[in-house]
Amino acid sequence: MGLKKDIEELVEQNVISAEIGDQIRTYYHEKEKESGNRLFIVFGILGAILIGLGMILIIAHNWDNLSREIKTFVSFLPLFFSQALCLFVMLKKVKNRVWREVGSTLLFFSVSASISLISQIYNIDGSLSGFLLTWMLLTLPIIYLLDSSIVAYLYLIGITTYGCDVGYFTPNDTKVLNYWLLLIALSPHYLMALKTRISSNFTSFTHWLITLSIVICLGTLAGKVDELMMVSYMSLFGLFYLIGSTKPFNKLRIINNPYLVLGALGTINMLLFLSFNDFWNDLTLQDFQPLDRLFGKELIVSLLLTFSAGYISYKDWKLNGLRPDPLMYIFIVFLIIFIIGIFTPFSMILINLITLLSGIILIRKGTSNNHLGLVNFGLLVVTALIICRFFDHDLSFVSRGLMFVIVGIGFFVSNYLILKRKKA
């Protein structure tokens, strides 16, 4: 109501034209409508889940008194109901997002319930990985038939759990490949979302789940030469950061750009982890002997990720020149340091220097651009490195204290100068 009065007053005072006033009213009306739709989707999905749980509890109360035939019929009942609902949505409510998300979510969980009940009734043995694989394969078409973002989220959580089970808990190299195939199967839906609604909150959640899923499950590809996974992860975070720094991702809010966030945090965390002696002392030429151990899946993954990040970095350099952002190029420097580390632990010193230099460059970049967040991030990098060295070397308490005092003064001075510039 206050907005409406303000617009009318601006029109009366000839601050804006009547046409612009109408456009502003239309804009905020559409925003309110969109917000209302999101609320309906959330409550609709919660309602669908509660209905499903209620049906399961009612059936469970009388389960032992039912015959096998009735149990089988009841097991398929939620599936039939949810499929009928989805068919109705496809025929009558396909343009209504609330109906699509509610129907698809109900069907997603109905598939799981039916598989579980049938397995229990007929004593069908199975594993968690087998159950998850069957469930995800059966529900994958729902994402495309109903264009459901919620089922895409649940699908990503499901395949990530599957990947962890077959990759970490019950390792099976053949089944690990299934995770990556399941992830690729979602790519058409994700690419369409990038093309049509990249700034949507639904797409932002998909960004986060995909990037986190890849980070979590990349380690499942480790084999005979685990050390190469350090190169893989460093290149992966470099690739993420480069993607997040290019159009159209660099136009998104930072919270909606997990590629940039995870790329930056992942790179810095890797540098801090590798700034200790342990990894470099254990890394020797013997780890790659005989040479046939080297030519495994870890090398393929490392080369694939490094070349992908290198290609995007090259394209960005051709378009924008050499940018003063160390996080864009650390994966290349790290590859050289890793090769040096095979022959000498001197690489640990190089990693510390690179981490310190990165923090200083970030501080300088943030200062020149009056970007308070970037300055503080650079200072945090330097502080984290000092903390790591605090526990790593036999420095006197006076030296440690002086380092923290210097960094603390840096925080105050840099923030004060930038705030003063912005105020001016």
Protein backbone atom coordinates (compact mmCIF):
# COMPACT_ATOMS: atom_id res chain seq x y z
CA MET A 1 0.00 0.00 0.00
CA GLY A 2 2.88 2.37 0.82
CA LEU A 3 4.54 1.61 -2.51
CA LYS A 4 1.34 2.39 -4.41
CA LYS A 5 1.03 5.79 -2.68
CA ASP A 6 4.70 6.58 -3.36
CA ILE A 7 4.33 5.83 -7.05
CA GLU A 8 1.19 7.96 -7.29
CA GLU A 9 3.00 10.83 -5.55
CA LEU A 10 6.00 10.55 -7.90
CA VAL A 11 3.68 10.62 -10.92
CA GLU A 12 1.77 13.66 -9.58
CA GLN A 13 5.05 15.53 -8.96
CA ASN A 14 6.23 14.67 -12.50
CA VAL A 15 9.27 12.85 -11.13
CA ILE A 16 8.35 9.85 -13.25
CA SER A 17 5.90 9.46 -16.10
CA ALA A 18 2.59 7.61 -15.79
CA GLU A 19 3.95 4.92 -18.13
CA ILE A 20 6.99 4.30 -15.91
CA GLY A 21 4.68 4.22 -12.88
CA ASP A 22 2.62 1.48 -14.51
CA GLN A 23 5.78 -0.48 -15.33
CA ILE A 24 6.94 -0.27 -11.70
CA ARG A 25 3.54 -1.46 -10.45
CA THR A 26 3.60 -4.37 -12.93
CA TYR A 27 7.14 -5.32 -11.90
CA TYR A 28 6.34 -5.52 -8.18
CA HIS A 29 3.05 -7.27 -8.88
CA GLU A 30 4.91 -10.00 -10.76
CA LYS A 31 7.46 -10.29 -7.95
CA GLU A 32 4.70 -10.74 -5.36
CA LYS A 33 3.07 -13.33 -7.58
CA GLU A 34 6.35 -15.22 -8.00
CA SER A 35 6.98 -15.13 -4.23
CA GLY A 36 3.50 -16.49 -3.63
CA ASN A 37 4.10 -19.31 -6.11
CA ARG A 38 7.30 -20.31 -4.32
CA LEU A 39 5.41 -20.42 -1.03
CA PHE A 40 2.70 -22.59 -2.57
CA ILE A 41 5.39 -24.94 -3.93
CA VAL A 42 7.01 -25.34 -0.51
CA PHE A 43 3.73 -26.02 1.29
CA GLY A 44 2.54 -28.24 -1.54
CA ILE A 45 5.64 -30.41 -1.30
CA LEU A 46 5.39 -30.58 2.49
CA GLY A 47 1.76 -31.59 2.11
CA ALA A 48 2.65 -34.33 -0.37
CA ILE A 49 5.33 -35.70 1.97
CA LEU A 50 2.97 -35.64 4.97
CA ILE A 51 0.25 -37.44 3.02
CA GLY A 52 2.75 -40.11 2.01
CA LEU A 53 3.99 -40.56 5.58
CA GLY A 54 0.43 -40.70 6.90
CA MET A 55 -0.48 -43.45 4.43
CA ILE A 56 2.61 -45.43 5.40
CA LEU A 57 1.78 -45.17 9.13
CA ILE A 58 -1.84 -46.26 8.58
CA ILE A 59 -0.75 -49.24 6.52
CA ALA A 60 2.05 -50.15 8.96
CA HIS A 61 -0.43 -50.31 11.87
CA ASN A 62 -2.40 -53.13 10.21
CA TRP A 63 0.41 -54.63 8.15
CA ASP A 64 0.79 -57.95 10.00
CA ASN A 65 -2.93 -58.72 9.67
CA LEU A 66 -2.94 -58.45 5.87
CA SER A 67 -2.48 -61.34 3.44
CA ARG A 68 0.41 -61.38 0.96
CA GLU A 69 -1.92 -60.53 -1.95
CA ILE A 70 -3.40 -57.54 -0.14
CA LYS A 71 0.07 -56.42 0.93
CA THR A 72 1.21 -56.52 -2.70
CA PHE A 73 -1.82 -54.50 -3.79
CA VAL A 74 -1.28 -51.97 -1.01
CA SER A 75 2.42 -51.71 -1.93
CA PHE A 76 1.52 -50.51 -5.41
CA LEU A 77 -1.36 -48.29 -4.28
CA PRO A 78 0.76 -45.15 -3.55
CA LEU A 79 2.51 -45.64 -6.88
CA PHE A 80 -0.77 -45.88 -8.80
CA PHE A 81 -2.17 -42.84 -7.03
CA SER A 82 0.92 -40.68 -7.63
CA GLN A 83 1.16 -41.79 -11.27
CA ALA A 84 -2.49 -40.87 -11.80
CA LEU A 85 -1.83 -37.47 -10.23
CA CYS A 86 1.19 -36.89 -12.50
CA LEU A 87 -0.85 -37.91 -15.56
CA PHE A 88 -3.52 -35.38 -14.56
CA VAL A 89 -0.81 -32.72 -14.15
CA MET A 90 0.66 -33.48 -17.59
CA LEU A 91 -2.75 -33.26 -19.23
CA LYS A 92 -4.36 -30.39 -17.33
CA LYS A 93 -1.84 -28.54 -15.15
CA VAL A 94 1.46 -28.82 -17.01
CA LYS A 95 2.08 -25.04 -16.88
CA ASN A 96 1.41 -24.86 -13.14
CA ARG A 97 4.74 -25.29 -11.30
CA VAL A 98 3.09 -26.03 -7.95
CA TRP A 99 1.16 -28.98 -9.36
CA ARG A 100 4.24 -30.27 -11.20
CA GLU A 101 6.51 -30.17 -8.16
CA VAL A 102 3.94 -31.69 -5.78
CA GLY A 103 3.01 -34.52 -8.16
CA SER A 104 6.60 -35.36 -9.07
CA THR A 105 7.76 -35.32 -5.43
CA LEU A 106 4.96 -37.66 -4.39
CA LEU A 107 5.81 -40.03 -7.25
CA PHE A 108 9.51 -39.93 -6.35
CA PHE A 109 8.86 -41.20 -2.82
CA SER A 110 6.13 -43.60 -3.95
CA VAL A 111 8.65 -45.43 -6.12
CA SER A 112 10.93 -45.87 -3.10
CA ALA A 113 8.07 -47.09 -0.90
CA SER A 114 6.88 -49.63 -3.48
CA ILE A 115 10.38 -51.06 -4.01
CA SER A 116 10.94 -51.37 -0.27
CA LEU A 117 7.57 -52.99 0.45
CA ILE A 118 7.80 -55.50 -2.36
CA SER A 119 11.31 -56.47 -1.27
CA GLN A 120 10.07 -56.98 2.28
CA ILE A 121 6.98 -58.99 1.29
CA TYR A 122 8.85 -61.42 -0.97
CA ASN A 123 12.12 -61.44 1.04
CA ILE A 124 14.21 -60.12 -1.84
CA ASP A 125 17.79 -59.59 -0.73
CA GLY A 126 19.68 -56.55 -1.85
CA SER A 127 22.18 -53.87 -0.94
CA LEU A 128 21.83 -50.16 -0.29
CA SER A 129 23.67 -49.37 -3.52
CA GLY A 130 21.39 -51.64 -5.54
CA PHE A 131 18.29 -50.06 -4.01
CA LEU A 132 19.54 -46.52 -4.67
CA LEU A 133 20.54 -47.33 -8.25
CA THR A 134 17.12 -48.82 -9.04
CA TRP A 135 15.32 -45.93 -7.35
CA MET A 136 17.30 -43.24 -9.17
CA LEU A 137 16.96 -44.92 -12.58
CA LEU A 138 13.18 -45.26 -12.19
CA THR A 139 12.72 -41.66 -11.09
CA LEU A 140 15.10 -40.00 -13.56
CA PRO A 141 12.38 -39.66 -16.27
CA ILE A 142 10.20 -37.66 -13.83
CA ILE A 143 12.69 -34.78 -13.99
CA TYR A 144 12.23 -34.46 -17.75
CA LEU A 145 8.53 -35.33 -18.05
CA LEU A 146 7.46 -32.79 -15.43
CA ASP A 147 10.47 -30.44 -15.48
CA SER A 148 10.77 -30.90 -11.73
CA SER A 149 13.56 -29.07 -9.89
CA ILE A 150 12.70 -30.68 -6.53
CA VAL A 151 13.07 -34.20 -7.93
CA ALA A 152 16.37 -33.08 -9.50
CA TYR A 153 17.56 -32.09 -6.01
CA LEU A 154 16.46 -35.41 -4.53
CA TYR A 155 18.03 -37.26 -7.45
CA LEU A 156 21.38 -35.51 -6.88
CA ILE A 157 21.27 -36.37 -3.18
CA GLY A 158 20.43 -39.97 -4.07
CA ILE A 159 23.23 -40.48 -6.61
CA THR A 160 25.73 -38.79 -4.27
CA THR A 161 24.78 -41.24 -1.52
CA TYR A 162 25.13 -44.05 -4.05
CA GLY A 163 28.55 -42.77 -5.15
CA CYS A 164 29.78 -42.61 -1.55
CA ASP A 165 28.52 -46.12 -0.82
CA VAL A 166 30.19 -47.79 -3.82
CA GLY A 167 33.26 -45.56 -3.73
CA TYR A 168 34.11 -45.26 -0.03
CA PHE A 169 32.12 -47.71 2.11
CA THR A 170 31.91 -50.78 -0.17
CA PRO A 171 34.45 -49.94 -2.91
CA ASN A 172 33.62 -51.25 -6.38
CA ASP A 173 35.36 -49.68 -9.38
CA THR A 174 32.69 -50.86 -11.82
CA LYS A 175 29.83 -49.41 -9.81
CA VAL A 176 31.65 -46.11 -9.27
CA LEU A 177 31.31 -45.48 -13.00
CA ASN A 178 27.51 -45.66 -12.57
CA TYR A 179 27.57 -42.51 -10.44
CA TRP A 180 29.21 -40.48 -13.20
CA LEU A 181 26.80 -41.87 -15.80
CA LEU A 182 23.85 -40.94 -13.57
CA LEU A 183 25.29 -37.44 -13.17
CA ILE A 184 25.71 -37.08 -16.95
CA ALA A 185 22.10 -38.21 -17.38
CA LEU A 186 21.01 -35.07 -15.51
CA SER A 187 23.09 -32.72 -17.70
CA PRO A 188 20.37 -31.96 -20.32
CA HIS A 189 18.02 -30.75 -17.57
CA TYR A 190 20.80 -28.67 -16.00
CA LEU A 191 21.89 -27.14 -19.31
CA MET A 192 18.30 -26.18 -20.10
CA ALA A 193 17.98 -24.53 -16.67
CA LEU A 194 21.21 -22.58 -17.35
CA LYS A 195 19.84 -21.44 -20.68
CA THR A 196 16.35 -20.41 -19.57
CA ARG A 197 16.46 -19.54 -15.85
CA ILE A 198 20.05 -19.24 -14.63
CA SER A 199 19.22 -16.59 -11.99
CA SER A 200 16.32 -18.59 -10.53
CA ASN A 201 16.60 -19.81 -6.94
CA PHE A 202 15.75 -23.33 -8.11
CA THR A 203 18.71 -23.27 -10.51
CA SER A 204 20.97 -21.85 -7.78
CA PHE A 205 20.19 -24.84 -5.54
CA THR A 206 21.02 -27.12 -8.47
CA HIS A 207 24.39 -25.33 -8.87
CA TRP A 208 25.21 -26.01 -5.24
CA LEU A 209 24.13 -29.64 -5.23
CA ILE A 210 26.00 -30.49 -8.45
CA THR A 211 29.25 -28.86 -7.37
CA LEU A 212 29.12 -30.38 -3.88
CA SER A 213 28.27 -33.79 -5.33
CA ILE A 214 31.28 -33.68 -7.66
CA VAL A 215 33.62 -32.54 -4.88
CA ILE A 216 32.41 -35.32 -2.58
CA CYS A 217 32.55 -38.11 -5.18
CA LEU A 218 35.72 -37.18 -7.05
CA GLY A 219 37.70 -39.06 -4.40
CA THR A 220 35.97 -42.29 -5.42
CA LEU A 221 38.25 -42.34 -8.48
CA ALA A 222 41.35 -42.78 -6.32
CA GLY A 223 43.21 -46.03 -6.93
CA LYS A 224 46.84 -47.11 -7.00
CA VAL A 225 48.38 -43.63 -7.05
CA ASP A 226 46.30 -41.63 -4.58
CA GLU A 227 48.78 -38.75 -4.64
CA LEU A 228 47.58 -37.73 -8.11
CA MET A 229 44.17 -36.93 -6.66
CA MET A 230 45.75 -33.78 -5.21
CA VAL A 231 46.31 -32.60 -8.78
CA SER A 232 42.75 -33.61 -9.66
CA TYR A 233 41.20 -31.67 -6.80
CA MET A 234 43.37 -28.60 -7.36
CA SER A 235 42.43 -28.58 -11.06
CA LEU A 236 38.77 -29.17 -10.18
CA PHE A 237 38.69 -26.15 -7.86
CA GLY A 238 40.55 -24.11 -10.48
CA LEU A 239 37.97 -25.17 -13.07
CA PHE A 240 35.12 -24.21 -10.73
CA TYR A 241 36.66 -20.80 -10.04
CA LEU A 242 37.17 -20.11 -13.74
CA ILE A 243 33.58 -21.09 -14.54
CA GLY A 244 32.29 -18.88 -11.73
CA SER A 245 34.38 -15.96 -13.03
CA THR A 246 33.02 -16.08 -16.57
CA LYS A 247 29.68 -15.00 -18.02
CA PRO A 248 26.91 -15.48 -17.10
CA PHE A 249 27.94 -16.72 -13.64
CA ASN A 250 29.93 -13.62 -12.72
CA LYS A 251 26.72 -11.59 -12.87
CA LEU A 252 25.06 -13.69 -10.15
CA ARG A 253 25.08 -12.86 -6.46
CA ILE A 254 27.90 -14.57 -4.59
CA ILE A 255 25.45 -16.88 -2.76
CA ASN A 256 24.08 -18.00 -6.13
CA ASN A 257 27.53 -18.72 -7.57
CA PRO A 258 28.87 -21.86 -5.86
CA TYR A 259 31.43 -22.33 -8.63
CA LEU A 260 33.21 -19.17 -7.51
CA VAL A 261 32.74 -19.84 -3.78
CA LEU A 262 33.80 -23.49 -3.80
CA GLY A 263 36.58 -22.80 -6.29
CA ALA A 264 38.11 -20.11 -4.07
CA LEU A 265 37.62 -21.89 -0.73
CA GLY A 266 38.67 -25.25 -2.15
CA THR A 267 41.87 -23.86 -3.66
CA ILE A 268 42.88 -22.08 -0.47
CA ASN A 269 42.08 -25.09 1.71
CA MET A 270 44.17 -27.32 -0.56
CA LEU A 271 47.09 -24.90 -0.32
CA LEU A 272 46.83 -24.75 3.47
CA PHE A 273 46.66 -28.55 3.73
CA LEU A 274 49.69 -28.96 1.47
CA SER A 275 51.65 -26.30 3.36
CA PHE A 276 52.56 -28.99 5.93
CA ASN A 277 55.50 -31.38 5.58
CA ASP A 278 53.58 -34.67 5.82
CA PHE A 279 52.36 -34.97 2.23
CA TRP A 280 55.65 -33.89 0.62
CA ASN A 281 57.76 -36.17 2.84
CA ASP A 282 55.64 -39.15 1.78
CA LEU A 283 55.67 -38.20 -1.92
CA THR A 284 58.57 -39.97 -3.66
CA LEU A 285 59.47 -41.25 -7.10
CA GLN A 286 58.88 -44.79 -5.80
CA ASP A 287 55.14 -44.06 -5.63
CA PHE A 288 55.05 -44.07 -9.42
CA GLN A 289 57.14 -47.21 -9.90
CA PRO A 290 56.64 -49.32 -11.93
CA LEU A 291 55.41 -46.91 -14.59
CA ASP A 292 52.26 -48.94 -15.34
CA ARG A 293 50.94 -47.82 -11.92
CA LEU A 294 51.05 -44.25 -13.18
CA PHE A 295 48.83 -44.87 -16.20
CA GLY A 296 45.58 -45.39 -14.33
CA LYS A 297 42.28 -43.60 -13.87
CA GLU A 298 43.83 -41.01 -11.52
CA LEU A 299 46.16 -39.79 -14.30
CA ILE A 300 43.28 -39.66 -16.80
CA VAL A 301 41.11 -37.65 -14.39
CA SER A 302 43.97 -35.30 -13.50
CA LEU A 303 44.81 -34.63 -17.16
CA LEU A 304 41.15 -34.18 -18.11
CA LEU A 305 40.46 -31.66 -15.35
CA THR A 306 43.76 -29.81 -15.87
CA PHE A 307 43.27 -29.49 -19.63
CA SER A 308 39.65 -28.38 -19.13
CA ALA A 309 40.67 -25.68 -16.65
CA GLY A 310 43.62 -24.72 -18.86
CA TYR A 311 41.37 -24.33 -21.90
CA ILE A 312 38.93 -22.03 -20.07
CA SER A 313 41.86 -20.08 -18.64
CA TYR A 314 43.30 -19.63 -22.13
CA LYS A 315 39.95 -18.45 -23.53
CA ASP A 316 39.59 -15.98 -20.65
CA TRP A 317 43.14 -14.70 -21.24
CA LYS A 318 42.41 -14.16 -24.93
CA LEU A 319 39.23 -12.27 -24.06
CA ASN A 320 40.25 -10.25 -20.97
CA GLY A 321 44.03 -10.43 -20.88
CA LEU A 322 46.01 -11.53 -17.83
CA ARG A 323 43.81 -10.77 -14.84
CA PRO A 324 45.36 -10.00 -11.41
CA ASP A 325 43.62 -12.94 -9.78
CA PRO A 326 45.95 -15.69 -8.51
CA LEU A 327 43.12 -18.16 -7.94
CA MET A 328 42.68 -18.43 -11.71
CA TYR A 329 46.18 -19.78 -12.29
CA ILE A 330 47.19 -21.61 -9.11
CA PHE A 331 46.22 -25.01 -10.57
CA ILE A 332 48.89 -24.54 -13.27
CA VAL A 333 51.57 -23.50 -10.76
CA PHE A 334 50.61 -26.38 -8.47
CA LEU A 335 51.16 -28.91 -11.26
CA ILE A 336 54.76 -27.70 -11.59
CA ILE A 337 55.24 -27.71 -7.80
CA PHE A 338 53.83 -31.25 -7.60
CA ILE A 339 56.33 -32.52 -10.17
CA ILE A 340 59.17 -30.83 -8.24
CA GLY A 341 57.83 -32.41 -5.03
CA ILE A 342 58.35 -35.90 -6.44
CA PHE A 343 62.10 -35.32 -6.31
CA THR A 344 62.48 -32.94 -3.36
CA PRO A 345 60.36 -31.81 -0.35
CA PHE A 346 61.34 -28.22 -1.23
CA SER A 347 57.83 -27.97 -2.71
CA MET A 348 56.46 -27.41 0.79
CA ILE A 349 58.30 -24.08 0.93
CA LEU A 350 57.00 -23.16 -2.53
CA ILE A 351 53.42 -23.89 -1.46
CA ASN A 352 53.80 -21.61 1.55
CA LEU A 353 55.19 -18.84 -0.65
CA ILE A 354 52.37 -19.25 -3.19
CA THR A 355 49.74 -19.13 -0.43
CA LEU A 356 51.26 -16.00 1.11
CA LEU A 357 51.62 -14.34 -2.30
CA SER A 358 48.00 -15.18 -3.17
CA GLY A 359 46.77 -13.56 0.03
CA ILE A 360 48.82 -10.42 -0.62
CA ILE A 361 47.58 -10.15 -4.24
CA LEU A 362 43.98 -10.55 -3.10
CA ILE A 363 44.47 -7.80 -0.51
CA ARG A 364 46.00 -5.51 -3.11
CA LYS A 365 43.25 -6.24 -5.63
CA GLY A 366 40.54 -5.60 -3.03
CA THR A 367 42.21 -2.36 -1.96
CA SER A 368 42.52 -1.02 -5.51
CA ASN A 369 38.87 -1.90 -6.23
CA ASN A 370 37.56 -0.72 -2.83
CA HIS A 371 36.21 -4.24 -2.31
CA LEU A 372 36.03 -4.86 1.43
CA GLY A 373 35.09 -8.53 1.10
CA LEU A 374 38.08 -9.30 -1.14
CA VAL A 375 40.48 -7.51 1.22
CA ASN A 376 39.19 -9.45 4.22
CA PHE A 377 39.37 -12.71 2.29
CA GLY A 378 43.03 -12.03 1.46
CA LEU A 379 43.73 -11.18 5.10
CA LEU A 380 42.01 -14.39 6.19
CA VAL A 381 44.25 -16.36 3.82
CA VAL A 382 47.35 -14.82 5.39
CA THR A 383 45.96 -15.37 8.90
CA ALA A 384 45.14 -19.02 8.16
CA LEU A 385 48.68 -19.57 6.85
CA ILE A 386 50.14 -18.02 10.03
CA ILE A 387 47.92 -20.27 12.17
CA CYS A 388 49.16 -23.33 10.24
CA ARG A 389 52.76 -22.30 10.84
CA PHE A 390 51.88 -21.60 14.50
CA PHE A 391 51.38 -25.35 14.99
CA ASP A 392 54.04 -26.47 12.53
CA HIS A 393 57.27 -24.82 13.69
CA ASP A 394 59.08 -24.20 16.96
CA LEU A 395 58.67 -20.44 16.96
CA SER A 396 58.84 -18.45 20.18
CA PHE A 397 55.62 -17.13 21.65
CA VAL A 398 56.88 -13.59 21.04
CA SER A 399 57.33 -14.27 17.31
CA ARG A 400 53.91 -15.90 17.07
CA GLY A 401 52.32 -13.04 18.94
CA LEU A 402 53.97 -10.44 16.70
CA MET A 403 52.67 -12.18 13.58
CA PHE A 404 49.11 -12.11 14.86
CA VAL A 405 49.46 -8.47 15.95
CA ILE A 406 50.71 -7.48 12.48
CA VAL A 407 47.83 -9.25 10.73
CA GLY A 408 45.33 -7.77 13.19
CA ILE A 409 46.65 -4.27 12.48
CA GLY A 410 46.34 -5.07 8.79
CA PHE A 411 42.65 -5.92 9.26
CA PHE A 412 41.94 -2.64 11.02
CA VAL A 413 43.97 -0.41 8.70
CA SER A 414 42.72 -1.90 5.43
CA ASN A 415 39.08 -1.86 6.51
CA TYR A 416 39.40 1.71 7.80
CA LEU A 417 41.00 2.97 4.57
CA ILE A 418 38.42 1.33 2.32
CA LEU A 419 35.47 2.53 4.41
CA LYS A 420 36.97 6.02 4.36
CA ARG A 421 37.25 5.87 0.55
CA LYS A 422 33.67 4.68 0.16
CA LYS A 423 32.43 7.42 2.47
CA ALA A 424 34.32 10.02 0.45
